PDB file of N, CA and C in Angstrom:
ATOM      1  N   MET A   1      53.635-119.387 112.019  1.00  0.00           N
ATOM      2  CA  MET A   1      53.921-120.192 113.177  1.00  0.00           C
ATOM      3  C   MET A   1      52.686-120.621 113.920  1.00  0.00           C
ATOM      4  N   LYS A   2      51.718-119.729 114.050  1.00  0.00           N
ATOM      5  CA  LYS A   2      50.477-120.085 114.721  1.00  0.00           C
ATOM      6  C   LYS A   2      49.692-121.099 113.918  1.00  0.00           C
ATOM      7  N   LYS A   3      49.830-121.032 112.591  1.00  0.00           N
ATOM      8  CA  LYS A   3      49.122-121.948 111.779  1.00  0.00           C
ATOM      9  C   LYS A   3      49.665-123.383 112.007  1.00  0.00           C
ATOM     10  N   TYR A   4      50.935-123.525 112.177  1.00  0.00           N
ATOM     11  CA  TYR A   4      51.513-124.854 112.453  1.00  0.00           C
ATOM     12  C   TYR A   4      51.180-125.397 113.830  1.00  0.00           C
ATOM     13  N   LEU A   5      51.209-124.516 114.782  1.00  0.00           N
ATOM     14  CA  LEU A   5      50.746-124.881 116.191  1.00  0.00           C
ATOM     15  C   LEU A   5      49.359-125.384 116.178  1.00  0.00           C
ATOM     16  N   PHE A   6      48.493-124.630 115.505  1.00  0.00           N
ATOM     17  CA  PHE A   6      47.080-124.965 115.440  1.00  0.00           C
ATOM     18  C   PHE A   6      46.950-126.396 114.736  1.00  0.00           C
ATOM     19  N   ALA A   7      47.661-126.595 113.691  1.00  0.00           N
ATOM     20  CA  ALA A   7      47.531-127.913 112.957  1.00  0.00           C
ATOM     21  C   ALA A   7      48.105-129.076 113.871  1.00  0.00           C
ATOM     22  N   TYR A   8      49.157-128.744 114.581  1.00  0.00           N
ATOM     23  CA  TYR A   8      49.738-129.771 115.536  1.00  0.00           C
ATOM     24  C   TYR A   8      48.736-130.091 116.577  1.00  0.00           C
ATOM     25  N   ALA A   9      48.063-129.059 117.151  1.00  0.00           N
ATOM     26  CA  ALA A   9      47.077-129.263 118.270  1.00  0.00           C
ATOM     27  C   ALA A   9      45.928-130.144 117.714  1.00  0.00           C
ATOM     28  N   VAL A  10      45.453-129.805 116.490  1.00  0.00           N
ATOM     29  CA  VAL A  10      44.378-130.603 115.932  1.00  0.00           C
ATOM     30  C   VAL A  10      44.767-132.066 115.682  1.00  0.00           C
ATOM     31  N   LEU A  11      46.003-132.252 115.165  1.00  0.00           N
ATOM     32  CA  LEU A  11      46.462-133.586 114.933  1.00  0.00           C
ATOM     33  C   LEU A  11      46.704-134.392 116.199  1.00  0.00           C
ATOM     34  N   ALA A  12      47.186-133.776 117.251  1.00  0.00           N
ATOM     35  CA  ALA A  12      47.432-134.437 118.473  1.00  0.00           C
ATOM     36  C   ALA A  12      46.048-134.775 119.157  1.00  0.00           C
ATOM     37  N   THR A  13      45.118-133.909 119.033  1.00  0.00           N
ATOM     38  CA  THR A  13      43.784-134.206 119.589  1.00  0.00           C
ATOM     39  C   THR A  13      43.109-135.345 118.838  1.00  0.00           C
ATOM     40  N   ALA A  14      43.242-135.327 117.552  1.00  0.00           N
ATOM     41  CA  ALA A  14      42.628-136.410 116.744  1.00  0.00           C
ATOM     42  C   ALA A  14      43.299-137.742 117.062  1.00  0.00           C
ATOM     43  N   LEU A  15      44.624-137.760 117.179  1.00  0.00           N
ATOM     44  CA  LEU A  15      45.318-138.947 117.541  1.00  0.00           C
ATOM     45  C   LEU A  15      44.911-139.440 118.887  1.00  0.00           C
ATOM     46  N   LEU A  16      44.841-138.577 119.868  1.00  0.00           N
ATOM     47  CA  LEU A  16      44.420-139.009 121.215  1.00  0.00           C
ATOM     48  C   LEU A  16      42.996-139.537 121.203  1.00  0.00           C
ATOM     49  N   PHE A  17      42.105-138.915 120.445  1.00  0.00           N
ATOM     50  CA  PHE A  17      40.710-139.347 120.324  1.00  0.00           C
ATOM     51  C   PHE A  17      40.681-140.770 119.754  1.00  0.00           C
ATOM     52  N   PHE A  18      41.333-141.079 118.666  1.00  0.00           N
ATOM     53  CA  PHE A  18      41.219-142.309 118.083  1.00  0.00           C
ATOM     54  C   PHE A  18      41.982-143.395 118.825  1.00  0.00           C
ATOM     55  N   THR A  19      43.021-143.079 119.567  1.00  0.00           N
ATOM     56  CA  THR A  19      43.681-143.993 120.451  1.00  0.00           C
ATOM     57  C   THR A  19      42.814-144.383 121.556  1.00  0.00           C
ATOM     58  N   CYS A  20      42.127-143.463 122.191  1.00  0.00           N
ATOM     59  CA  CYS A  20      41.199-143.758 123.312  1.00  0.00           C
ATOM     60  C   CYS A  20      40.021-144.575 122.773  1.00  0.00           C
ATOM     61  N   ARG A  21      39.548-144.271 121.602  1.00  0.00           N
ATOM     62  CA  ARG A  21      38.422-145.005 121.033  1.00  0.00           C
ATOM     63  C   ARG A  21      38.822-146.457 120.746  1.00  0.00           C
ATOM     64  N   HIS A  22      40.072-146.673 120.247  1.00  0.00           N
ATOM     65  CA  HIS A  22      40.534-147.964 120.038  1.00  0.00           C
ATOM     66  C   HIS A  22      40.771-148.697 121.333  1.00  0.00           C
ATOM     67  N   TYR A  23      41.263-148.104 122.311  1.00  0.00           N
ATOM     68  CA  TYR A  23      41.421-148.676 123.621  1.00  0.00           C
ATOM     69  C   TYR A  23      40.166-149.132 124.223  1.00  0.00           C
ATOM     70  N   ARG A  24      39.089-148.302 124.106  1.00  0.00           N
ATOM     71  CA  ARG A  24      37.851-148.664 124.668  1.00  0.00           C
ATOM     72  C   ARG A  24      37.229-149.862 123.896  1.00  0.00           C
ATOM     73  N   ALA A  25      37.340-149.860 122.577  1.00  0.00           N
ATOM     74  CA  ALA A  25      36.844-151.022 121.840  1.00  0.00           C
ATOM     75  C   ALA A  25      37.576-152.310 122.134  1.00  0.00           C
ATOM     76  N   GLU A  26      38.895-152.226 122.320  1.00  0.00           N
ATOM     77  CA  GLU A  26      39.633-153.471 122.669  1.00  0.00           C
ATOM     78  C   GLU A  26      39.308-153.925 124.094  1.00  0.00           C
ATOM     79  N   ASN A  27      39.176-152.965 124.995  1.00  0.00           N
ATOM     80  CA  ASN A  27      38.699-153.398 126.352  1.00  0.00           C
ATOM     81  C   ASN A  27      37.357-153.997 126.399  1.00  0.00           C
ATOM     82  N   ARG A  28      36.457-153.494 125.663  1.00  0.00           N
ATOM     83  CA  ARG A  28      35.123-154.090 125.562  1.00  0.00           C
ATOM     84  C   ARG A  28      35.177-155.446 124.979  1.00  0.00           C
ATOM     85  N   ARG A  29      35.966-155.677 123.963  1.00  0.00           N
ATOM     86  CA  ARG A  29      36.116-156.938 123.322  1.00  0.00           C
ATOM     87  C   ARG A  29      36.719-157.962 124.258  1.00  0.00           C
ATOM     88  N   LEU A  30      37.730-157.504 125.011  1.00  0.00           N
ATOM     89  CA  LEU A  30      38.353-158.398 126.025  1.00  0.00           C
ATOM     90  C   LEU A  30      37.303-158.858 127.134  1.00  0.00           C
ATOM     91  N   VAL A  31      36.556-157.938 127.602  1.00  0.00           N
ATOM     92  CA  VAL A  31      35.572-158.271 128.587  1.00  0.00           C
ATOM     93  C   VAL A  31      34.516-159.295 128.010  1.00  0.00           C
ATOM     94  N   GLU A  32      34.100-159.079 126.823  1.00  0.00           N
ATOM     95  CA  GLU A  32      33.196-159.986 126.216  1.00  0.00           C
ATOM     96  C   GLU A  32      33.803-161.329 126.013  1.00  0.00           C
ATOM     97  N   ASN A  33      35.041-161.399 125.662  1.00  0.00           N
ATOM     98  CA  ASN A  33      35.693-162.790 125.430  1.00  0.00           C
ATOM     99  C   ASN A  33      35.799-163.431 126.837  1.00  0.00           C
ATOM    100  N   GLN A  34      36.231-162.723 127.852  1.00  0.00           N
ATOM    101  CA  GLN A  34      36.376-163.292 129.151  1.00  0.00           C
ATOM    102  C   GLN A  34      35.020-163.889 129.624  1.00  0.00           C
ATOM    103  N   THR A  35      33.988-163.131 129.430  1.00  0.00           N
ATOM    104  CA  THR A  35      32.622-163.527 129.879  1.00  0.00           C
ATOM    105  C   THR A  35      32.208-164.820 129.112  1.00  0.00           C
ATOM    106  N   ALA A  36      32.460-164.814 127.825  1.00  0.00           N
ATOM    107  CA  ALA A  36      32.041-165.910 127.013  1.00  0.00           C
ATOM    108  C   ALA A  36      32.866-167.179 127.338  1.00  0.00           C
ATOM    109  N   LEU A  37      34.189-166.945 127.679  1.00  0.00           N
ATOM    110  CA  LEU A  37      35.017-168.096 128.029  1.00  0.00           C
ATOM    111  C   LEU A  37      34.580-168.641 129.360  1.00  0.00           C
ATOM    112  N   ALA A  38      34.283-167.850 130.322  1.00  0.00           N
ATOM    113  CA  ALA A  38      33.834-168.246 131.612  1.00  0.00           C
ATOM    114  C   ALA A  38      32.542-169.040 131.566  1.00  0.00           C
ATOM    115  N   ALA A  39      31.690-168.746 130.579  1.00  0.00           N
ATOM    116  CA  ALA A  39      30.420-169.474 130.421  1.00  0.00           C
ATOM    117  C   ALA A  39      30.610-170.737 129.662  1.00  0.00           C
ATOM    118  N   ASP A  40      31.623-170.902 128.908  1.00  0.00           N
ATOM    119  CA  ASP A  40      31.716-172.059 127.978  1.00  0.00           C
ATOM    120  C   ASP A  40      32.651-173.139 128.501  1.00  0.00           C
ATOM    121  N   VAL A  41      33.392-172.874 129.661  1.00  0.00           N
ATOM    122  CA  VAL A  41      34.356-173.881 130.137  1.00  0.00           C
ATOM    123  C   VAL A  41      33.958-174.273 131.542  1.00  0.00           C
ATOM    124  N   TYR A  42      34.083-175.607 131.720  1.00  0.00           N
ATOM    125  CA  TYR A  42      33.724-176.189 133.035  1.00  0.00           C
ATOM    126  C   TYR A  42      34.921-177.033 133.529  1.00  0.00           C
ATOM    127  N   PHE A  43      35.352-176.721 134.729  1.00  0.00           N
ATOM    128  CA  PHE A  43      36.471-177.451 135.279  1.00  0.00           C
ATOM    129  C   PHE A  43      35.998-178.579 136.200  1.00  0.00           C
ATOM    130  N   ALA A  44      36.208-179.831 135.849  1.00  0.00           N
ATOM    131  CA  ALA A  44      35.683-180.957 136.547  1.00  0.00           C
ATOM    132  C   ALA A  44      36.834-181.658 137.297  1.00  0.00           C
ATOM    133  N   THR A  45      36.511-182.318 138.463  1.00  0.00           N
ATOM    134  CA  THR A  45      37.508-183.110 139.095  1.00  0.00           C
ATOM    135  C   THR A  45      37.477-184.523 138.518  1.00  0.00           C
ATOM    136  N   LYS A  46      38.518-185.331 138.775  1.00  0.00           N
ATOM    137  CA  LYS A  46      38.563-186.641 138.226  1.00  0.00           C
ATOM    138  C   LYS A  46      37.397-187.456 138.721  1.00  0.00           C
ATOM    139  N   GLY A  47      36.822-188.215 137.811  1.00  0.00           N
ATOM    140  CA  GLY A  47      35.679-189.084 138.186  1.00  0.00           C
ATOM    141  C   GLY A  47      34.303-188.358 138.240  1.00  0.00           C
ATOM    142  N   GLU A  48      34.303-187.073 138.160  1.00  0.00           N
ATOM    143  CA  GLU A  48      33.044-186.292 138.142  1.00  0.00           C
ATOM    144  C   GLU A  48      32.391-186.315 136.820  1.00  0.00           C
ATOM    145  N   THR A  49      31.091-186.570 136.848  1.00  0.00           N
ATOM    146  CA  THR A  49      30.245-186.459 135.660  1.00  0.00           C
ATOM    147  C   THR A  49      29.443-185.177 135.640  1.00  0.00           C
ATOM    148  N   PRO A  50      29.934-184.170 134.968  1.00  0.00           N
ATOM    149  CA  PRO A  50      29.329-182.863 135.134  1.00  0.00           C
ATOM    150  C   PRO A  50      27.961-182.800 134.389  1.00  0.00           C
ATOM    151  N   SER A  51      27.055-182.108 135.000  1.00  0.00           N
ATOM    152  CA  SER A  51      25.792-181.878 134.393  1.00  0.00           C
ATOM    153  C   SER A  51      25.738-180.382 134.067  1.00  0.00           C
ATOM    154  N   THR A  52      26.344-180.069 132.909  1.00  0.00           N
ATOM    155  CA  THR A  52      26.450-178.693 132.470  1.00  0.00           C
ATOM    156  C   THR A  52      26.245-178.602 131.013  1.00  0.00           C
ATOM    157  N   THR A  53      25.954-177.337 130.600  1.00  0.00           N
ATOM    158  CA  THR A  53      25.827-177.131 129.153  1.00  0.00           C
ATOM    159  C   THR A  53      27.038-176.451 128.592  1.00  0.00           C
ATOM    160  N   ALA A  54      28.147-176.429 129.295  1.00  0.00           N
ATOM    161  CA  ALA A  54      29.353-175.811 128.842  1.00  0.00           C
ATOM    162  C   ALA A  54      29.884-176.564 127.598  1.00  0.00           C
ATOM    163  N   LYS A  55      30.442-175.806 126.712  1.00  0.00           N
ATOM    164  CA  LYS A  55      30.921-176.371 125.436  1.00  0.00           C
ATOM    165  C   LYS A  55      32.217-177.178 125.654  1.00  0.00           C
ATOM    166  N   LEU A  56      32.976-176.829 126.689  1.00  0.00           N
ATOM    167  CA  LEU A  56      34.267-177.422 126.871  1.00  0.00           C
ATOM    168  C   LEU A  56      34.332-177.808 128.423  1.00  0.00           C
ATOM    169  N   THR A  57      34.720-179.092 128.685  1.00  0.00           N
ATOM    170  CA  THR A  57      34.906-179.594 130.017  1.00  0.00           C
ATOM    171  C   THR A  57      36.341-180.005 130.168  1.00  0.00           C
ATOM    172  N   LEU A  58      37.049-179.446 131.092  1.00  0.00           N
ATOM    173  CA  LEU A  58      38.403-179.792 131.370  1.00  0.00           C
ATOM    174  C   LEU A  58      38.568-180.486 132.704  1.00  0.00           C
ATOM    175  N   VAL A  59      39.247-181.614 132.713  1.00  0.00           N
ATOM    176  CA  VAL A  59      39.453-182.330 133.971  1.00  0.00           C
ATOM    177  C   VAL A  59      40.744-181.793 134.664  1.00  0.00           C
ATOM    178  N   ILE A  60      40.609-181.464 135.930  1.00  0.00           N
ATOM    179  CA  ILE A  60      41.710-180.872 136.670  1.00  0.00           C
ATOM    180  C   ILE A  60      42.689-182.013 136.890  1.00  0.00           C
ATOM    181  N   ASP A  61      44.028-181.636 136.774  1.00  0.00           N
ATOM    182  CA  ASP A  61      45.183-182.555 136.833  1.00  0.00           C
ATOM    183  C   ASP A  61      45.299-183.567 135.773  1.00  0.00           C
ATOM    184  N   GLN A  62      44.434-183.372 134.775  1.00  0.00           N
ATOM    185  CA  GLN A  62      44.615-184.260 133.575  1.00  0.00           C
ATOM    186  C   GLN A  62      44.678-183.377 132.323  1.00  0.00           C
ATOM    187  N   ASP A  63      43.685-182.547 132.130  1.00  0.00           N
ATOM    188  CA  ASP A  63      43.618-181.652 131.005  1.00  0.00           C
ATOM    189  C   ASP A  63      44.198-180.270 131.322  1.00  0.00           C
ATOM    190  N   ILE A  64      44.119-179.876 132.589  1.00  0.00           N
ATOM    191  CA  ILE A  64      44.591-178.592 133.011  1.00  0.00           C
ATOM    192  C   ILE A  64      45.190-178.701 134.399  1.00  0.00           C
ATOM    193  N   LEU A  65      46.260-177.904 134.666  1.00  0.00           N
ATOM    194  CA  LEU A  65      46.929-177.981 135.976  1.00  0.00           C
ATOM    195  C   LEU A  65      46.849-176.628 136.650  1.00  0.00           C
ATOM    196  N   PHE A  66      46.466-176.696 137.920  1.00  0.00           N
ATOM    197  CA  PHE A  66      46.416-175.491 138.704  1.00  0.00           C
ATOM    198  C   PHE A  66      47.594-175.456 139.698  1.00  0.00           C
ATOM    199  N   SER A  67      47.990-174.223 140.131  1.00  0.00           N
ATOM    200  CA  SER A  67      49.156-174.118 141.012  1.00  0.00           C
ATOM    201  C   SER A  67      48.892-174.682 142.407  1.00  0.00           C
ATOM    202  N   ASP A  68      47.646-174.715 142.895  1.00  0.00           N
ATOM    203  CA  ASP A  68      47.331-175.199 144.236  1.00  0.00           C
ATOM    204  C   ASP A  68      46.369-176.373 144.228  1.00  0.00           C
ATOM    205  N   GLY A  69      46.603-177.312 143.377  1.00  0.00           N
ATOM    206  CA  GLY A  69      45.721-178.485 143.354  1.00  0.00           C
ATOM    207  C   GLY A  69      44.496-178.260 142.545  1.00  0.00           C
ATOM    208  N   ASP A  70      43.324-177.981 143.183  1.00  0.00           N
ATOM    209  CA  ASP A  70      42.079-177.758 142.439  1.00  0.00           C
ATOM    210  C   ASP A  70      41.702-176.329 142.261  1.00  0.00           C
ATOM    211  N   HIS A  71      42.603-175.392 142.599  1.00  0.00           N
ATOM    212  CA  HIS A  71      42.336-173.937 142.450  1.00  0.00           C
ATOM    213  C   HIS A  71      43.659-173.205 142.312  1.00  0.00           C
ATOM    214  N   GLY A  72      43.586-171.931 141.952  1.00  0.00           N
ATOM    215  CA  GLY A  72      44.792-171.174 141.852  1.00  0.00           C
ATOM    216  C   GLY A  72      45.055-170.767 140.406  1.00  0.00           C
ATOM    217  N   TYR A  73      46.369-170.456 140.121  1.00  0.00           N
ATOM    218  CA  TYR A  73      46.720-170.041 138.789  1.00  0.00           C
ATOM    219  C   TYR A  73      46.876-171.255 137.867  1.00  0.00           C
ATOM    220  N   ILE A  74      46.569-171.049 136.602  1.00  0.00           N
ATOM    221  CA  ILE A  74      46.823-172.131 135.612  1.00  0.00           C
ATOM    222  C   ILE A  74      48.360-172.282 135.474  1.00  0.00           C
ATOM    223  N   SER A  75      48.807-173.541 135.685  1.00  0.00           N
ATOM    224  CA  SER A  75      50.243-173.747 135.700  1.00  0.00           C
ATOM    225  C   SER A  75      50.640-174.686 134.482  1.00  0.00           C
ATOM    226  N   PRO A  76      51.147-174.051 133.399  1.00  0.00           N
ATOM    227  CA  PRO A  76      51.476-174.801 132.221  1.00  0.00           C
ATOM    228  C   PRO A  76      52.705-175.689 132.405  1.00  0.00           C
ATOM    229  N   HIS A  77      53.530-175.402 133.414  1.00  0.00           N
ATOM    230  CA  HIS A  77      54.796-176.096 133.509  1.00  0.00           C
ATOM    231  C   HIS A  77      54.925-176.835 134.836  1.00  0.00           C
ATOM    232  N   LYS A  78      53.845-177.313 135.412  1.00  0.00           N
ATOM    233  CA  LYS A  78      53.861-177.964 136.689  1.00  0.00           C
ATOM    234  C   LYS A  78      54.593-179.266 136.645  1.00  0.00           C
ATOM    235  N   ASN A  79      54.515-180.003 135.579  1.00  0.00           N
ATOM    236  CA  ASN A  79      55.163-181.290 135.477  1.00  0.00           C
ATOM    237  C   ASN A  79      56.565-181.148 134.780  1.00  0.00           C
ATOM    238  N   ASN A  80      56.925-179.898 134.431  1.00  0.00           N
ATOM    239  CA  ASN A  80      58.213-179.660 133.796  1.00  0.00           C
ATOM    240  C   ASN A  80      59.032-178.768 134.697  1.00  0.00           C
ATOM    241  N   PRO A  81      59.963-179.278 135.517  1.00  0.00           N
ATOM    242  CA  PRO A  81      60.681-178.442 136.459  1.00  0.00           C
ATOM    243  C   PRO A  81      61.630-177.424 135.825  1.00  0.00           C
ATOM    244  N   GLY A  82      61.904-177.548 134.606  1.00  0.00           N
ATOM    245  CA  GLY A  82      62.840-176.622 133.886  1.00  0.00           C
ATOM    246  C   GLY A  82      64.221-176.772 134.383  1.00  0.00           C
ATOM    247  N   ILE A  83      64.800-177.955 134.113  1.00  0.00           N
ATOM    248  CA  ILE A  83      66.139-178.247 134.522  1.00  0.00           C
ATOM    249  C   ILE A  83      67.203-177.468 133.696  1.00  0.00           C
ATOM    250  N   TRP A  84      68.116-176.855 134.349  1.00  0.00           N
ATOM    251  CA  TRP A  84      69.178-176.115 133.706  1.00  0.00           C
ATOM    252  C   TRP A  84      70.292-177.039 133.207  1.00  0.00           C
ATOM    253  N   ASP A  85      70.559-177.021 131.929  1.00  0.00           N
ATOM    254  CA  ASP A  85      71.630-177.776 131.372  1.00  0.00           C
ATOM    255  C   ASP A  85      72.855-176.919 131.024  1.00  0.00           C
ATOM    256  N   GLU A  86      73.892-176.963 131.843  1.00  0.00           N
ATOM    257  CA  GLU A  86      74.986-176.108 131.718  1.00  0.00           C
ATOM    258  C   GLU A  86      75.745-176.283 130.328  1.00  0.00           C
ATOM    259  N   THR A  87      75.658-177.398 129.759  1.00  0.00           N
ATOM    260  CA  THR A  87      76.309-177.620 128.499  1.00  0.00           C
ATOM    261  C   THR A  87      75.607-176.929 127.343  1.00  0.00           C
ATOM    262  N   ARG A  88      74.370-176.530 127.563  1.00  0.00           N
ATOM    263  CA  ARG A  88      73.579-176.056 126.473  1.00  0.00           C
ATOM    264  C   ARG A  88      72.962-174.698 126.741  1.00  0.00           C
ATOM    265  N   ASP A  89      72.557-174.379 127.910  1.00  0.00           N
ATOM    266  CA  ASP A  89      71.617-173.265 128.255  1.00  0.00           C
ATOM    267  C   ASP A  89      72.394-171.943 128.486  1.00  0.00           C
ATOM    268  N   TYR A  90      73.660-171.861 128.388  1.00  0.00           N
ATOM    269  CA  TYR A  90      74.327-170.569 128.480  1.00  0.00           C
ATOM    270  C   TYR A  90      74.187-169.698 127.204  1.00  0.00           C
ATOM    271  N   PHE A  91      73.972-170.353 126.095  1.00  0.00           N
ATOM    272  CA  PHE A  91      73.929-169.689 124.825  1.00  0.00           C
ATOM    273  C   PHE A  91      72.617-170.004 124.114  1.00  0.00           C
ATOM    274  N   TYR A  92      72.048-169.091 123.433  1.00  0.00           N
ATOM    275  CA  TYR A  92      70.884-169.370 122.510  1.00  0.00           C
ATOM    276  C   TYR A  92      71.409-170.036 121.291  1.00  0.00           C
ATOM    277  N   PRO A  93      70.546-170.713 120.537  1.00  0.00           N
ATOM    278  CA  PRO A  93      70.987-171.332 119.291  1.00  0.00           C
ATOM    279  C   PRO A  93      71.158-170.200 118.279  1.00  0.00           C
ATOM    280  N   ILE A  94      72.115-170.381 117.343  1.00  0.00           N
ATOM    281  CA  ILE A  94      72.282-169.419 116.258  1.00  0.00           C
ATOM    282  C   ILE A  94      71.151-169.729 115.207  1.00  0.00           C
ATOM    283  N   PRO A  95      70.418-168.736 114.786  1.00  0.00           N
ATOM    284  CA  PRO A  95      69.339-168.927 113.858  1.00  0.00           C
ATOM    285  C   PRO A  95      69.850-169.647 112.574  1.00  0.00           C
ATOM    286  N   THR A  96      69.044-170.593 112.047  1.00  0.00           N
ATOM    287  CA  THR A  96      69.333-171.334 110.888  1.00  0.00           C
ATOM    288  C   THR A  96      69.653-170.532 109.690  1.00  0.00           C
ATOM    289  N   ASP A  97      68.819-169.392 109.539  1.00  0.00           N
ATOM    290  CA  ASP A  97      69.056-168.508 108.396  1.00  0.00           C
ATOM    291  C   ASP A  97      70.486-167.860 108.377  1.00  0.00           C
ATOM    292  N   ASP A  98      70.864-167.478 109.621  1.00  0.00           N
ATOM    293  CA  ASP A  98      72.220-166.923 109.740  1.00  0.00           C
ATOM    294  C   ASP A  98      73.330-167.882 109.370  1.00  0.00           C
ATOM    295  N   ARG A  99      73.158-169.111 109.814  1.00  0.00           N
ATOM    296  CA  ARG A  99      74.135-170.139 109.452  1.00  0.00           C
ATOM    297  C   ARG A  99      74.122-170.428 107.927  1.00  0.00           C
ATOM    298  N   SER A 100      72.942-170.445 107.354  1.00  0.00           N
ATOM    299  CA  SER A 100      72.822-170.705 105.910  1.00  0.00           C
ATOM    300  C   SER A 100      73.451-169.622 105.138  1.00  0.00           C
ATOM    301  N   LEU A 101      73.247-168.345 105.488  1.00  0.00           N
ATOM    302  CA  LEU A 101      73.778-167.228 104.757  1.00  0.00           C
ATOM    303  C   LEU A 101      75.279-167.245 104.792  1.00  0.00           C
ATOM    304  N   THR A 102      75.896-167.701 105.835  1.00  0.00           N
ATOM    305  CA  THR A 102      77.392-167.693 105.939  1.00  0.00           C
ATOM    306  C   THR A 102      77.996-168.933 105.332  1.00  0.00           C
ATOM    307  N   GLY A 103      77.168-169.872 104.861  1.00  0.00           N
ATOM    308  CA  GLY A 103      77.648-171.062 104.268  1.00  0.00           C
ATOM    309  C   GLY A 103      78.463-171.998 105.190  1.00  0.00           C
ATOM    310  N   GLY A 104      78.158-171.946 106.474  1.00  0.00           N
ATOM    311  CA  GLY A 104      78.817-172.836 107.377  1.00  0.00           C
ATOM    312  C   GLY A 104      79.979-172.183 108.157  1.00  0.00           C
ATOM    313  N   ALA A 105      80.273-170.877 107.896  1.00  0.00           N
ATOM    314  CA  ALA A 105      81.311-170.191 108.612  1.00  0.00           C
ATOM    315  C   ALA A 105      81.013-170.071 110.064  1.00  0.00           C
ATOM    316  N   LEU A 106      79.683-169.920 110.418  1.00  0.00           N
ATOM    317  CA  LEU A 106      79.221-169.936 111.741  1.00  0.00           C
ATOM    318  C   LEU A 106      78.886-171.383 112.191  1.00  0.00           C
ATOM    319  N   THR A 107      79.466-171.818 113.316  1.00  0.00           N
ATOM    320  CA  THR A 107      79.070-173.145 113.774  1.00  0.00           C
ATOM    321  C   THR A 107      78.007-172.977 114.923  1.00  0.00           C
ATOM    322  N   GLN A 108      77.173-173.955 115.017  1.00  0.00           N
ATOM    323  CA  GLN A 108      76.070-173.920 116.003  1.00  0.00           C
ATOM    324  C   GLN A 108      76.655-173.951 117.402  1.00  0.00           C
ATOM    325  N   ASN A 109      76.017-173.221 118.338  1.00  0.00           N
ATOM    326  CA  ASN A 109      76.469-173.259 119.761  1.00  0.00           C
ATOM    327  C   ASN A 109      76.320-174.673 120.317  1.00  0.00           C
ATOM    328  N   PRO A 110      77.132-175.010 121.316  1.00  0.00           N
ATOM    329  CA  PRO A 110      77.116-176.382 121.870  1.00  0.00           C
ATOM    330  C   PRO A 110      75.772-176.809 122.461  1.00  0.00           C
ATOM    331  N   GLY A 111      75.365-178.046 122.131  1.00  0.00           N
ATOM    332  CA  GLY A 111      74.050-178.536 122.672  1.00  0.00           C
ATOM    333  C   GLY A 111      72.887-178.301 121.767  1.00  0.00           C
ATOM    334  N   TRP A 112      73.034-177.491 120.692  1.00  0.00           N
ATOM    335  CA  TRP A 112      71.927-177.151 119.838  1.00  0.00           C
ATOM    336  C   TRP A 112      72.148-177.825 118.502  1.00  0.00           C
ATOM    337  N   ASN A 113      71.145-178.429 117.876  1.00  0.00           N
ATOM    338  CA  ASN A 113      71.233-179.036 116.586  1.00  0.00           C
ATOM    339  C   ASN A 113      70.134-178.467 115.668  1.00  0.00           C
ATOM    340  N   ASP A 114      70.497-177.845 114.650  1.00  0.00           N
ATOM    341  CA  ASP A 114      69.535-177.252 113.738  1.00  0.00           C
ATOM    342  C   ASP A 114      69.409-178.096 112.419  1.00  0.00           C
ATOM    343  N   GLY A 115      70.116-179.195 112.319  1.00  0.00           N
ATOM    344  CA  GLY A 115      69.997-180.069 111.147  1.00  0.00           C
ATOM    345  C   GLY A 115      70.897-179.665 110.054  1.00  0.00           C
ATOM    346  N   LEU A 116      71.687-178.652 110.107  1.00  0.00           N
ATOM    347  CA  LEU A 116      72.472-178.192 108.994  1.00  0.00           C
ATOM    348  C   LEU A 116      73.868-178.882 109.132  1.00  0.00           C
ATOM    349  N   ASN A 117      74.289-179.443 108.086  1.00  0.00           N
ATOM    350  CA  ASN A 117      75.632-180.057 108.057  1.00  0.00           C
ATOM    351  C   ASN A 117      76.377-179.477 106.886  1.00  0.00           C
ATOM    352  N   PHE A 118      77.439-178.703 107.240  1.00  0.00           N
ATOM    353  CA  PHE A 118      78.281-178.080 106.205  1.00  0.00           C
ATOM    354  C   PHE A 118      79.557-178.762 106.153  1.00  0.00           C
TER     355      PHE A 118
END
């Protein structure tokens, strides 16, 4: 019994060691990527001619949208209000593979078109 407990303790310690080591390596990689990204991207306002050595220049409100005009969170859906369509949005579409496997026994949910005609 003691032999198994010792083996379990060694295994748990090794697993914890490698997990922490992996976490530290991932955290270090993330910090390096964030630093590199911050150095390589410049956010310009419309009409501005930037004098920078950044590899990528993004124009605010044209190439990138922020939540508060020229600052804030990056807003990928600022121009898309996300309108709810009651005839379609209550159900997800049935996956095409599932419909193909049943040979048309399953019909697609209303408002969704997957291109299958049985």
